[in-house]
PDB file of N, CA and C in Angstrom:
ATOM      1  N   MET A   1      16.891  15.911 -16.136  1.00  0.00           N
ATOM      2  CA  MET A   1      17.382  16.130 -14.791  1.00  0.00           C
ATOM      3  C   MET A   1      16.393  16.738 -13.951  1.00  0.00           C
ATOM      4  N   PRO A   2      16.153  15.989 -13.297  1.00  0.00           N
ATOM      5  CA  PRO A   2      15.668  16.794 -11.649  1.00  0.00           C
ATOM      6  C   PRO A   2      16.175  18.221 -10.851  1.00  0.00           C
ATOM      7  N   ILE A   3      15.837  18.953 -10.850  1.00  0.00           N
ATOM      8  CA  ILE A   3      16.415  19.999  -9.637  1.00  0.00           C
ATOM      9  C   ILE A   3      15.900  20.306  -8.613  1.00  0.00           C
ATOM     10  N   ALA A   4      16.466  20.673  -7.994  1.00  0.00           N
ATOM     11  CA  ALA A   4      15.021  21.524  -6.600  1.00  0.00           C
ATOM     12  C   ALA A   4      15.749  23.067  -7.132  1.00  0.00           C
ATOM     13  N   VAL A   5      14.440  23.389  -6.769  1.00  0.00           N
ATOM     14  CA  VAL A   5      14.507  25.057  -7.309  1.00  0.00           C
ATOM     15  C   VAL A   5      13.341  26.229  -6.075  1.00  0.00           C
ATOM     16  N   GLN A   6      13.516  26.849  -5.926  1.00  0.00           N
ATOM     17  CA  GLN A   6      12.498  27.864  -4.742  1.00  0.00           C
ATOM     18  C   GLN A   6      12.054  28.511  -5.576  1.00  0.00           C
ATOM     19  N   LEU A   7      10.647  28.451  -5.342  1.00  0.00           N
ATOM     20  CA  LEU A   7       9.308  29.589  -5.821  1.00  0.00           C
ATOM     21  C   LEU A   7       8.792  29.827  -5.066  1.00  0.00           C
ATOM     22  N   SER A   8       8.170  30.806  -4.879  1.00  0.00           N
ATOM     23  CA  SER A   8       7.234  32.420  -4.063  1.00  0.00           C
ATOM     24  C   SER A   8       6.149  30.675  -3.424  1.00  0.00           C
ATOM     25  N   GLU A   9       5.458  30.786  -2.364  1.00  0.00           N
ATOM     26  CA  GLU A   9       5.143  30.289  -2.169  1.00  0.00           C
ATOM     27  C   GLU A   9       3.426  30.332  -2.843  1.00  0.00           C
ATOM     28  N   SER A  10       3.255  31.930  -3.090  1.00  0.00           N
ATOM     29  CA  SER A  10       2.157  32.303  -4.317  1.00  0.00           C
ATOM     30  C   SER A  10       2.137  31.693  -5.481  1.00  0.00           C
ATOM     31  N   LEU A  11       3.616  31.610  -5.981  1.00  0.00           N
ATOM     32  CA  LEU A  11       3.234  31.318  -7.584  1.00  0.00           C
ATOM     33  C   LEU A  11       2.910  29.285  -7.455  1.00  0.00           C
ATOM     34  N   VAL A  12       3.488  29.129  -6.402  1.00  0.00           N
ATOM     35  CA  VAL A  12       2.869  27.462  -6.473  1.00  0.00           C
ATOM     36  C   VAL A  12       1.592  27.192  -6.097  1.00  0.00           C
ATOM     37  N   ARG A  13       0.632  28.483  -5.243  1.00  0.00           N
ATOM     38  CA  ARG A  13      -0.724  27.702  -4.806  1.00  0.00           C
ATOM     39  C   ARG A  13      -1.500  28.270  -6.236  1.00  0.00           C
ATOM     40  N   GLU A  14      -0.235  29.199  -6.913  1.00  0.00           N
ATOM     41  CA  GLU A  14      -1.499  29.520  -8.052  1.00  0.00           C
ATOM     42  C   GLU A  14      -0.980  28.610  -9.153  1.00  0.00           C
ATOM     43  N   ALA A  15       0.195  28.095  -9.299  1.00  0.00           N
ATOM     44  CA  ALA A  15       0.322  26.937 -10.312  1.00  0.00           C
ATOM     45  C   ALA A  15      -0.920  25.528 -10.432  1.00  0.00           C
ATOM     46  N   LYS A  16      -0.930  25.151  -8.698  1.00  0.00           N
ATOM     47  CA  LYS A  16      -1.361  24.149  -8.123  1.00  0.00           C
ATOM     48  C   LYS A  16      -3.190  23.945  -8.591  1.00  0.00           C
ATOM     49  N   SER A  17      -3.670  25.141  -8.399  1.00  0.00           N
ATOM     50  CA  SER A  17      -4.947  26.052  -8.585  1.00  0.00           C
ATOM     51  C   SER A  17      -4.615  25.184 -10.701  1.00  0.00           C
ATOM     52  N   ALA A  18      -4.033  26.185 -11.753  1.00  0.00           N
ATOM     53  CA  ALA A  18      -4.353  25.827 -12.218  1.00  0.00           C
ATOM     54  C   ALA A  18      -3.687  24.629 -13.005  1.00  0.00           C
ATOM     55  N   SER A  19      -2.929  23.845 -12.083  1.00  0.00           N
ATOM     56  CA  SER A  19      -2.485  22.436 -12.757  1.00  0.00           C
ATOM     57  C   SER A  19      -4.212  21.554 -12.845  1.00  0.00           C
ATOM     58  N   GLU A  20      -4.818  21.645 -11.630  1.00  0.00           N
ATOM     59  CA  GLU A  20      -5.904  20.724 -11.482  1.00  0.00           C
ATOM     60  C   GLU A  20      -7.229  21.139 -12.400  1.00  0.00           C
ATOM     61  N   GLY A  21      -7.081  22.253 -12.758  1.00  0.00           N
ATOM     62  CA  GLY A  21      -8.118  22.869 -14.214  1.00  0.00           C
ATOM     63  C   GLY A  21      -7.620  22.308 -15.655  1.00  0.00           C
ATOM     64  N   ALA A  22      -6.375  21.945 -15.619  1.00  0.00           N
ATOM     65  CA  ALA A  22      -5.551  21.416 -16.627  1.00  0.00           C
ATOM     66  C   ALA A  22      -5.263  20.406 -16.643  1.00  0.00           C
ATOM     67  N   SER A  23      -5.027  19.184 -15.920  1.00  0.00           N
ATOM     68  CA  SER A  23      -4.890  17.468 -15.931  1.00  0.00           C
ATOM     69  C   SER A  23      -3.321  18.235 -16.066  1.00  0.00           C
ATOM     70  N   ARG A  24      -2.555  18.819 -15.243  1.00  0.00           N
ATOM     71  CA  ARG A  24      -1.354  18.757 -14.873  1.00  0.00           C
ATOM     72  C   ARG A  24      -0.994  18.396 -14.083  1.00  0.00           C
ATOM     73  N   THR A  25       0.592  18.025 -13.536  1.00  0.00           N
ATOM     74  CA  THR A  25       0.841  17.628 -12.683  1.00  0.00           C
ATOM     75  C   THR A  25       1.283  19.118 -11.974  1.00  0.00           C
ATOM     76  N   LEU A  26       1.735  19.401 -10.903  1.00  0.00           N
ATOM     77  CA  LEU A  26       2.201  20.676 -10.865  1.00  0.00           C
ATOM     78  C   LEU A  26       3.492  21.273 -10.934  1.00  0.00           C
ATOM     79  N   SER A  27       4.595  20.292 -11.733  1.00  0.00           N
ATOM     80  CA  SER A  27       5.399  20.388 -12.495  1.00  0.00           C
ATOM     81  C   SER A  27       5.596  20.892 -13.550  1.00  0.00           C
ATOM     82  N   GLU A  28       4.405  19.826 -14.433  1.00  0.00           N
ATOM     83  CA  GLU A  28       3.740  20.092 -15.757  1.00  0.00           C
ATOM     84  C   GLU A  28       3.776  21.336 -15.782  1.00  0.00           C
ATOM     85  N   GLN A  29       2.952  22.490 -14.746  1.00  0.00           N
ATOM     86  CA  GLN A  29       2.201  23.196 -15.604  1.00  0.00           C
ATOM     87  C   GLN A  29       2.750  24.636 -14.641  1.00  0.00           C
ATOM     88  N   ILE A  30       4.037  24.631 -13.922  1.00  0.00           N
ATOM     89  CA  ILE A  30       5.372  25.345 -13.993  1.00  0.00           C
ATOM     90  C   ILE A  30       5.279  25.318 -15.113  1.00  0.00           C
ATOM     91  N   GLU A  31       6.455  23.877 -15.732  1.00  0.00           N
ATOM     92  CA  GLU A  31       7.073  23.808 -17.105  1.00  0.00           C
ATOM     93  C   GLU A  31       6.665  24.132 -18.188  1.00  0.00           C
ATOM     94  N   TYR A  32       5.042  24.576 -18.280  1.00  0.00           N
ATOM     95  CA  TYR A  32       4.018  24.536 -19.171  1.00  0.00           C
ATOM     96  C   TYR A  32       4.140  26.207 -18.709  1.00  0.00           C
ATOM     97  N   TRP A  33       3.993  26.797 -18.088  1.00  0.00           N
ATOM     98  CA  TRP A  33       4.255  28.558 -17.793  1.00  0.00           C
ATOM     99  C   TRP A  33       5.826  28.574 -18.640  1.00  0.00           C
ATOM    100  N   ALA A  34       6.728  27.955 -17.492  1.00  0.00           N
ATOM    101  CA  ALA A  34       8.159  28.709 -18.398  1.00  0.00           C
ATOM    102  C   ALA A  34       8.442  28.626 -19.861  1.00  0.00           C
ATOM    103  N   ARG A  35       7.491  27.656 -20.630  1.00  0.00           N
ATOM    104  CA  ARG A  35       7.770  27.264 -22.407  1.00  0.00           C
ATOM    105  C   ARG A  35       6.776  28.344 -22.579  1.00  0.00           C
ATOM    106  N   LEU A  36       5.762  28.995 -22.023  1.00  0.00           N
ATOM    107  CA  LEU A  36       4.618  29.628 -22.772  1.00  0.00           C
ATOM    108  C   LEU A  36       5.441  30.980 -22.189  1.00  0.00           C
ATOM    109  N   GLY A  37       6.247  31.474 -21.550  1.00  0.00           N
ATOM    110  CA  GLY A  37       7.038  32.578 -20.991  1.00  0.00           C
ATOM    111  C   GLY A  37       7.623  33.062 -22.007  1.00  0.00           C
ATOM    112  N   LYS A  38       8.870  31.501 -22.522  1.00  0.00           N
ATOM    113  CA  LYS A  38      10.174  31.570 -23.175  1.00  0.00           C
ATOM    114  C   LYS A  38       9.564  31.902 -24.668  1.00  0.00           C
ATOM    115  N   ALA A  39       8.808  31.261 -24.939  1.00  0.00           N
ATOM    116  CA  ALA A  39       7.576  31.753 -26.371  1.00  0.00           C
ATOM    117  C   ALA A  39       7.677  32.754 -26.515  1.00  0.00           C
ATOM    118  N   SER A  40       6.930  33.387 -25.550  1.00  0.00           N
ATOM    119  CA  SER A  40       6.000  34.704 -25.176  1.00  0.00           C
ATOM    120  C   SER A  40       7.524  35.539 -25.807  1.00  0.00           C
ATOM    121  N   ASP A  41       8.428  35.823 -24.997  1.00  0.00           N
ATOM    122  CA  ASP A  41       9.402  36.494 -24.942  1.00  0.00           C
ATOM    123  C   ASP A  41      10.201  36.411 -26.575  1.00  0.00           C
ATOM    124  N   GLU A  42      10.324  35.347 -26.933  1.00  0.00           N
ATOM    125  CA  GLU A  42      10.774  34.629 -28.344  1.00  0.00           C
ATOM    126  C   GLU A  42       9.789  35.655 -29.650  1.00  0.00           C
ATOM    127  N   ASN A  43       8.598  35.534 -29.489  1.00  0.00           N
ATOM    128  CA  ASN A  43       7.762  36.672 -30.227  1.00  0.00           C
ATOM    129  C   ASN A  43       6.974  36.723 -29.879  1.00  0.00           C
ATOM    130  N   PRO A  44       7.289  38.548 -29.488  1.00  0.00           N
ATOM    131  CA  PRO A  44       6.176  39.089 -28.757  1.00  0.00           C
ATOM    132  C   PRO A  44       5.535  39.784 -29.537  1.00  0.00           C
ATOM    133  N   ASP A  45       5.543  39.885 -30.844  1.00  0.00           N
ATOM    134  CA  ASP A  45       4.228  40.073 -32.228  1.00  0.00           C
ATOM    135  C   ASP A  45       3.213  39.075 -31.696  1.00  0.00           C
ATOM    136  N   LEU A  46       3.305  37.650 -31.180  1.00  0.00           N
ATOM    137  CA  LEU A  46       2.341  36.753 -31.888  1.00  0.00           C
ATOM    138  C   LEU A  46       1.476  36.933 -29.987  1.00  0.00           C
ATOM    139  N   PRO A  47       0.375  36.752 -30.485  1.00  0.00           N
ATOM    140  CA  PRO A  47      -1.269  36.664 -29.257  1.00  0.00           C
ATOM    141  C   PRO A  47      -0.787  35.358 -28.491  1.00  0.00           C
ATOM    142  N   VAL A  48      -0.799  35.256 -27.738  1.00  0.00           N
ATOM    143  CA  VAL A  48      -0.826  34.220 -26.361  1.00  0.00           C
ATOM    144  C   VAL A  48      -1.361  33.130 -26.727  1.00  0.00           C
ATOM    145  N   PRO A  49      -2.807  33.000 -27.393  1.00  0.00           N
ATOM    146  CA  PRO A  49      -3.281  31.982 -27.822  1.00  0.00           C
ATOM    147  C   PRO A  49      -3.214  31.411 -28.659  1.00  0.00           C
ATOM    148  N   ILE A  50      -2.318  31.974 -29.331  1.00  0.00           N
ATOM    149  CA  ILE A  50      -1.833  31.466 -30.784  1.00  0.00           C
ATOM    150  C   ILE A  50      -0.419  30.618 -30.289  1.00  0.00           C
ATOM    151  N   LEU A  51       0.313  31.187 -29.335  1.00  0.00           N
ATOM    152  CA  LEU A  51       1.577  30.372 -28.373  1.00  0.00           C
ATOM    153  C   LEU A  51       0.833  29.577 -27.829  1.00  0.00           C
ATOM    154  N   GLN A  52      -0.093  29.174 -27.421  1.00  0.00           N
ATOM    155  CA  GLN A  52      -1.084  28.254 -26.567  1.00  0.00           C
ATOM    156  C   GLN A  52      -0.893  26.721 -27.298  1.00  0.00           C
ATOM    157  N   ASP A  53      -1.248  27.539 -28.262  1.00  0.00           N
ATOM    158  CA  ASP A  53      -2.016  26.314 -29.645  1.00  0.00           C
ATOM    159  C   ASP A  53      -1.173  25.485 -30.533  1.00  0.00           C
ATOM    160  N   ILE A  54       0.601  26.552 -30.194  1.00  0.00           N
ATOM    161  CA  ILE A  54       1.653  25.887 -30.663  1.00  0.00           C
ATOM    162  C   ILE A  54       1.976  25.032 -30.392  1.00  0.00           C
ATOM    163  N   LEU A  55       2.109  25.447 -28.773  1.00  0.00           N
ATOM    164  CA  LEU A  55       2.855  24.687 -27.527  1.00  0.00           C
ATOM    165  C   LEU A  55       1.872  22.649 -27.592  1.00  0.00           C
ATOM    166  N   ALA A  56       0.404  22.829 -27.933  1.00  0.00           N
ATOM    167  CA  ALA A  56      -0.403  22.184 -27.651  1.00  0.00           C
ATOM    168  C   ALA A  56      -0.112  21.049 -28.889  1.00  0.00           C
ATOM    169  N   SER A  57       0.536  21.772 -30.484  1.00  0.00           N
ATOM    170  CA  SER A  57       0.428  20.810 -30.960  1.00  0.00           C
ATOM    171  C   SER A  57       1.865  20.202 -31.381  1.00  0.00           C
ATOM    172  N   GLN A  58       2.688  21.118 -30.438  1.00  0.00           N
ATOM    173  CA  GLN A  58       3.923  19.895 -30.497  1.00  0.00           C
ATOM    174  C   GLN A  58       3.860  19.269 -29.110  1.00  0.00           C
ATOM    175  N   ALA A  59       3.239  19.608 -27.979  1.00  0.00           N
ATOM    176  CA  ALA A  59       3.042  18.037 -27.523  1.00  0.00           C
ATOM    177  C   ALA A  59       2.274  17.073 -28.151  1.00  0.00           C
ATOM    178  N   GLU A  60       1.474  17.292 -28.762  1.00  0.00           N
ATOM    179  CA  GLU A  60       0.777  16.214 -29.743  1.00  0.00           C
ATOM    180  C   GLU A  60       1.815  15.392 -30.882  1.00  0.00           C
ATOM    181  N   LYS A  61       2.314  15.987 -31.401  1.00  0.00           N
ATOM    182  CA  LYS A  61       3.371  15.803 -32.125  1.00  0.00           C
ATOM    183  C   LYS A  61       4.243  15.113 -31.584  1.00  0.00           C
ATOM    184  N   ASN A  62       4.983  15.183 -30.167  1.00  0.00           N
ATOM    185  CA  ASN A  62       5.828  14.309 -29.327  1.00  0.00           C
ATOM    186  C   ASN A  62       5.365  13.504 -28.506  1.00  0.00           C
ATOM    187  N   LEU A  63       4.073  13.278 -28.549  1.00  0.00           N
ATOM    188  CA  LEU A  63       3.330  12.312 -28.115  1.00  0.00           C
ATOM    189  C   LEU A  63       2.388  11.220 -28.849  1.00  0.00           C
ATOM    190  N   ASN A  64       3.042  11.308 -30.437  1.00  0.00           N
ATOM    191  CA  ASN A  64       2.681  10.582 -31.893  1.00  0.00           C
ATOM    192  C   ASN A  64       1.220  11.064 -31.025  1.00  0.00           C
ATOM    193  N   LYS A  65       0.330  12.129 -31.577  1.00  0.00           N
ATOM    194  CA  LYS A  65      -1.107  11.877 -31.676  1.00  0.00           C
ATOM    195  C   LYS A  65      -1.511  12.486 -32.110  1.00  0.00           C
ATOM    196  N   LEU A  66      -0.977  12.737 -33.464  1.00  0.00           N
ATOM    197  CA  LEU A  66      -1.117  13.459 -34.639  1.00  0.00           C
ATOM    198  C   LEU A  66      -1.974  12.472 -35.739  1.00  0.00           C
ATOM    199  N   SER A  67      -2.865  12.963 -36.456  1.00  0.00           N
ATOM    200  CA  SER A  67      -3.098  11.654 -37.511  1.00  0.00           C
ATOM    201  C   SER A  67      -3.218  12.961 -38.764  1.00  0.00           C
ATOM    202  N   LYS A  68      -2.982  11.805 -39.926  1.00  0.00           N
ATOM    203  CA  LYS A  68      -2.953  12.087 -41.071  1.00  0.00           C
ATOM    204  C   LYS A  68      -3.783  13.056 -41.518  1.00  0.00           C
ATOM    205  N   PHE A  69      -4.041  14.581 -42.516  1.00  0.00           N
ATOM    206  CA  PHE A  69      -5.095  14.952 -43.142  1.00  0.00           C
ATOM    207  C   PHE A  69      -5.367  14.961 -44.416  1.00  0.00           C
ATOM    208  N   ARG A  70      -6.306  14.443 -44.679  1.00  0.00           N
ATOM    209  CA  ARG A  70      -6.912  14.232 -46.395  1.00  0.00           C
ATOM    210  C   ARG A  70      -7.297  15.108 -47.127  1.00  0.00           C
ATOM    211  N   PHE A  71      -6.939  15.852 -47.888  1.00  0.00           N
ATOM    212  CA  PHE A  71      -7.593  17.051 -48.960  1.00  0.00           C
ATOM    213  C   PHE A  71      -8.712  16.345 -49.648  1.00  0.00           C
ATOM    214  N   GLY A  72     -10.093  17.144 -49.739  1.00  0.00           N
ATOM    215  CA  GLY A  72     -10.986  17.129 -50.840  1.00  0.00           C
ATOM    216  C   GLY A  72     -11.473  15.579 -50.287  1.00  0.00           C
TER     217      GLY A  72
END
């Protein structure tokens, strides 16, 4: 459900810059930062790179981009 939210111009500029490097839309970048912040808040003992990997894995799972791993 899309809703309008007011954000500071500086945050929007930073998100726009980051979105270009990450191949995300502006909205996707802000959502990513929000999810990362939420995950960090809920898991203060985990380093940010691990949380980023977890979010990436969840996104791959949601897009059905996972492949089966064969042992041996």
